[in-house]
Protein backbone atom coordinates (compact mmCIF):
# COMPACT_ATOMS: atom_id res chain seq x y z
CA MET A 1 23.17 3.04 12.07
CA ALA A 2 23.43 3.67 8.34
CA LEU A 3 21.94 1.25 5.83
CA PRO A 4 24.32 0.14 3.05
CA PRO A 5 22.84 0.93 -0.41
CA LYS A 6 22.91 -2.74 -1.38
CA PHE A 7 20.31 -3.35 1.35
CA LYS A 8 18.03 -0.50 0.30
CA GLY A 9 15.07 -2.86 0.02
CA HIS A 10 15.22 -3.33 3.80
CA ARG A 11 13.99 0.25 4.21
CA LEU A 12 10.33 1.33 4.05
CA VAL A 13 9.47 5.02 3.69
CA PHE A 14 5.95 6.38 3.43
CA THR A 15 4.97 9.16 1.02
CA ASP A 16 1.31 9.78 0.18
CA ASP A 17 0.38 6.14 0.80
CA ALA A 18 3.18 5.03 -1.54
CA THR A 19 6.48 3.51 -0.53
CA THR A 20 9.98 4.15 -1.72
CA THR A 21 13.36 2.82 -0.79
CA SER A 22 15.29 5.83 -2.07
CA PRO A 23 14.09 8.91 -0.18
CA SER A 24 15.83 12.13 -1.18
CA ASP A 25 15.23 13.58 2.30
CA PRO A 26 15.04 10.75 4.88
CA PRO A 27 12.47 11.20 7.68
CA PRO A 28 13.84 12.29 11.05
CA HIS A 29 12.67 9.19 12.94
CA THR A 30 13.69 5.56 12.40
CA LEU A 31 12.31 2.30 13.73
CA GLU A 32 14.62 -0.68 13.25
CA PHE A 33 13.34 -4.23 13.61
CA TYR A 34 15.89 -6.94 14.38
CA LEU A 35 14.12 -10.11 13.26
CA ASP A 36 14.97 -13.75 12.66
CA TYR A 37 12.89 -15.38 9.94
CA VAL A 38 12.63 -18.70 11.78
CA CYS A 39 11.74 -17.08 15.12
CA PRO A 40 8.02 -17.45 16.00
CA PHE A 41 8.11 -14.26 18.09
CA SER A 42 9.60 -12.33 15.16
CA ALA A 43 6.83 -13.71 12.96
CA LYS A 44 4.20 -12.54 15.42
CA MET A 45 5.62 -9.02 15.53
CA PHE A 46 5.98 -8.85 11.75
CA ASN A 47 2.36 -9.92 11.30
CA THR A 48 1.23 -7.13 13.65
CA LEU A 49 3.45 -4.77 11.69
CA LEU A 50 1.72 -5.68 8.42
CA THR A 51 -1.85 -5.84 9.64
CA SER A 52 -1.94 -2.96 12.13
CA VAL A 53 1.17 -0.79 12.26
CA LEU A 54 1.64 -0.04 8.55
CA PRO A 55 -2.05 0.82 7.98
CA HIS A 56 -1.98 3.16 10.99
CA ILE A 57 1.12 4.90 9.70
CA ARG A 58 -0.38 5.36 6.24
CA ARG A 59 -3.57 6.83 7.72
CA ASN A 60 -1.64 9.45 9.66
CA PRO A 61 0.49 11.90 7.65
CA ASN A 62 2.02 13.31 10.86
CA ILE A 63 3.60 9.90 11.37
CA ALA A 64 4.12 8.84 7.75
CA ASN A 65 6.08 11.95 6.83
CA ARG A 66 8.41 11.61 9.84
CA LEU A 67 9.16 7.90 10.02
CA GLN A 68 11.08 5.23 8.19
CA LEU A 69 11.22 1.52 9.01
CA ILE A 70 14.26 -0.71 8.54
CA ILE A 71 14.44 -4.49 8.74
CA ARG A 72 17.69 -5.67 10.33
CA PRO A 73 18.26 -9.39 9.65
CA GLN A 74 19.27 -11.14 12.87
CA ILE A 75 20.60 -14.66 12.30
CA GLN A 76 20.20 -16.89 15.37
CA PRO A 77 22.95 -19.55 15.04
CA TRP A 78 21.42 -22.07 17.45
CA HIS A 79 18.97 -22.73 14.59
CA PRO A 80 21.33 -23.68 11.72
CA SER A 81 18.59 -23.14 9.13
CA SER A 82 18.34 -19.51 10.22
CA THR A 83 21.44 -18.73 8.19
CA LEU A 84 20.04 -20.47 5.11
CA VAL A 85 16.70 -18.67 5.28
CA HIS A 86 18.38 -15.29 5.74
CA GLU A 87 20.65 -16.08 2.81
CA ALA A 88 17.60 -16.61 0.63
CA ALA A 89 16.21 -13.19 1.59
CA LEU A 90 19.56 -11.60 0.80
CA ALA A 91 19.60 -13.36 -2.57
CA VAL A 92 16.18 -11.94 -3.39
CA GLN A 93 17.45 -8.52 -2.33
CA GLN A 94 20.37 -8.86 -4.74
CA LEU A 95 18.12 -9.85 -7.64
CA THR A 96 15.56 -7.10 -7.08
CA LEU A 97 17.79 -4.09 -6.52
CA ARG A 98 16.61 -2.70 -9.85
CA GLY A 99 13.10 -4.06 -9.62
CA VAL A 100 10.00 -3.53 -7.50
CA SER A 101 11.04 -1.82 -4.28
CA ASP A 102 8.89 -3.84 -1.90
CA ARG A 103 9.78 -7.36 -3.12
CA PHE A 104 12.07 -7.91 -0.17
CA TRP A 105 9.24 -7.15 2.27
CA VAL A 106 6.86 -9.41 0.35
CA PHE A 107 9.34 -12.25 0.38
CA ILE A 108 10.17 -12.05 4.08
CA SER A 109 6.44 -11.95 4.78
CA ASP A 110 6.16 -15.29 2.97
CA LEU A 111 9.22 -16.60 4.81
CA PHE A 112 7.47 -15.89 8.08
CA THR A 113 4.27 -17.51 6.80
CA HIS A 114 6.16 -20.67 5.83
CA GLN A 115 8.76 -20.58 8.60
CA THR A 116 7.79 -23.97 10.08
CA ALA A 117 8.90 -25.55 6.79
CA PHE A 118 12.43 -24.45 7.73
CA PHE A 119 12.46 -25.21 11.44
CA ASP A 120 15.18 -27.53 12.78
CA GLU A 121 13.01 -30.63 12.48
CA ALA A 122 11.95 -29.80 8.92
CA VAL A 123 15.50 -29.55 7.57
CA ALA A 124 17.09 -32.32 9.63
CA GLY A 125 16.86 -34.91 6.86
CA GLU A 126 18.02 -32.85 3.89
CA THR A 127 21.27 -31.38 2.65
CA ARG A 128 22.05 -27.67 2.77
CA ASN A 129 21.64 -27.36 -1.00
CA ALA A 130 18.30 -29.18 -0.83
CA THR A 131 17.06 -26.54 1.59
CA TYR A 132 18.30 -23.87 -0.81
CA LEU A 133 16.29 -25.48 -3.61
CA ARG A 134 13.11 -25.21 -1.54
CA LEU A 135 13.88 -21.60 -0.66
CA ALA A 136 14.53 -20.75 -4.32
CA LYS A 137 11.17 -22.27 -5.25
CA LEU A 138 9.46 -20.22 -2.54
CA ALA A 139 11.13 -17.07 -3.89
CA ARG A 140 9.74 -17.75 -7.35
CA GLU A 141 6.26 -18.46 -6.02
CA SER A 142 6.38 -15.44 -3.71
CA VAL A 143 7.79 -12.59 -5.79
CA GLY A 144 8.36 -14.01 -9.25
CA VAL A 145 12.15 -13.98 -9.29
CA ASP A 146 13.93 -16.60 -11.36
CA GLU A 147 14.22 -19.76 -9.27
CA ASP A 148 17.44 -20.86 -10.96
CA GLU A 149 19.05 -17.45 -10.40
CA VAL A 150 18.21 -17.56 -6.71
CA TYR A 151 19.68 -21.04 -6.40
CA LYS A 152 22.86 -20.00 -8.23
CA LEU A 153 23.42 -17.37 -5.55
CA LEU A 154 22.80 -19.85 -2.74
CA GLU A 155 24.36 -23.09 -3.94
CA VAL A 156 27.53 -24.30 -2.25
CA LYS A 157 29.77 -25.99 -4.81
CA GLN A 158 31.36 -29.32 -4.00
CA LEU A 159 35.10 -29.02 -4.62
CA ASP A 160 37.85 -31.55 -4.15
CA GLY A 161 39.86 -30.53 -1.12
CA GLY A 162 37.44 -27.71 -0.31
CA LYS A 163 38.08 -24.01 0.08
CA ASN A 164 35.37 -23.04 2.59
CA ALA A 165 34.31 -20.42 0.05
CA GLY A 166 30.64 -20.10 1.00
CA ASN A 167 28.26 -18.89 -1.70
CA GLN A 168 27.36 -15.71 -3.58
CA VAL A 169 25.61 -14.10 -0.58
CA THR A 170 28.24 -14.93 2.06
CA ALA A 171 29.66 -11.40 1.89
CA ASP A 172 26.20 -9.96 2.58
CA VAL A 173 25.73 -12.34 5.51
CA LYS A 174 29.02 -11.15 6.98
CA THR A 175 27.88 -7.53 6.65
CA VAL A 176 24.51 -7.96 8.40
CA VAL A 177 26.09 -10.05 11.18
CA LYS A 178 28.81 -7.46 11.79
CA MET A 179 26.22 -4.67 11.90
CA ALA A 180 24.10 -6.56 14.44
CA ARG A 181 27.14 -7.20 16.61
CA LEU A 182 27.88 -3.48 16.72
CA THR A 183 24.49 -2.86 18.37
CA GLY A 184 24.81 -5.72 20.84
CA VAL A 185 21.34 -7.00 19.90
CA HIS A 186 20.76 -10.58 21.01
CA VAL A 187 17.05 -11.32 21.48
CA THR A 188 14.62 -11.45 18.56
CA PRO A 189 12.61 -9.47 18.01
CA THR A 190 14.34 -6.31 19.19
CA VAL A 191 13.20 -2.81 18.18
CA LEU A 192 15.35 0.33 18.12
CA PHE A 193 13.92 3.84 17.91
CA ASN A 194 16.40 6.40 16.63
CA GLY A 195 19.25 4.05 17.47
CA VAL A 196 18.16 3.19 21.02
CA VAL A 197 16.65 -0.15 22.09
CA VAL A 198 13.02 0.22 23.20
CA ALA A 199 12.87 -2.57 25.75
CA GLU A 200 9.13 -2.38 26.35
CA ILE A 201 8.26 -3.19 22.73
CA GLY A 202 7.74 -6.91 22.26
CA SER A 203 5.95 -9.49 20.17
CA ALA A 204 2.97 -9.42 22.54
CA TRP A 205 2.17 -5.84 21.56
CA THR A 206 -1.20 -5.45 19.88
CA GLY A 207 -2.09 -3.04 17.12
CA GLU A 208 -3.61 -0.76 19.75
CA ASP A 209 -0.37 -0.79 21.76
CA TRP A 210 1.55 0.23 18.66
CA GLU A 211 -0.92 2.96 17.75
CA GLN A 212 -0.67 4.52 21.19
CA TRP A 213 3.13 4.38 21.11
CA LEU A 214 3.38 5.86 17.61
CA ASP A 215 0.93 8.63 18.44
CA SER A 216 2.83 9.50 21.62
CA ASN A 217 6.35 9.31 20.24
CA ILE A 218 5.98 10.62 16.70
CA SER A 219 2.61 12.11 15.83
CA VAL A 220 2.59 14.60 18.72
CA LEU A 221 6.18 15.65 18.16
CA GLY A 222 6.93 18.67 16.08
CA SER A 223 10.02 17.21 14.50
């Protein structure tokens, strides 16, 4: 599935140990990661991705030159805070479209690191906007974006009578949810390779498991 330009920070492409989110000639192979930022299993897979998978890709030009990675935000509605945390990541994406290309990846890494601070129990006693304030603070501490600007995108205004208008990232939330529904993805994490779910890939996979899979499915291929 195509990636809308406004979500270009969700893409990671490898070129000579550097990364870019605007490849002129996209690699032939794509790994898509459907992740929920308050899902412990998603956090485990993302940590393996950072510590083992990305270094292995960068060490192997036969893989790096043929592969791109895409994060697909997967909101899990049975955890109400999931929407709020994903909204914060989308706000950071909006604010960094013209900035450092990997800020989105840095921020979601910190969201995973601090995910217990946004579990159901952790947000039960605060308002929605209070949770947004904490997320905006984390965004500033994580990637240096303006805390007030993040909060402006997230805040829900209190209006007499109400209009159910959402906030400044609601349209982006609708887009990522619609895209996920088109794939039929339900469980997090879920990984797609060239548009097809790879059922055997799960959060329990080690770095060695990933290396063997990448070497077998990409490095040895001539395309």
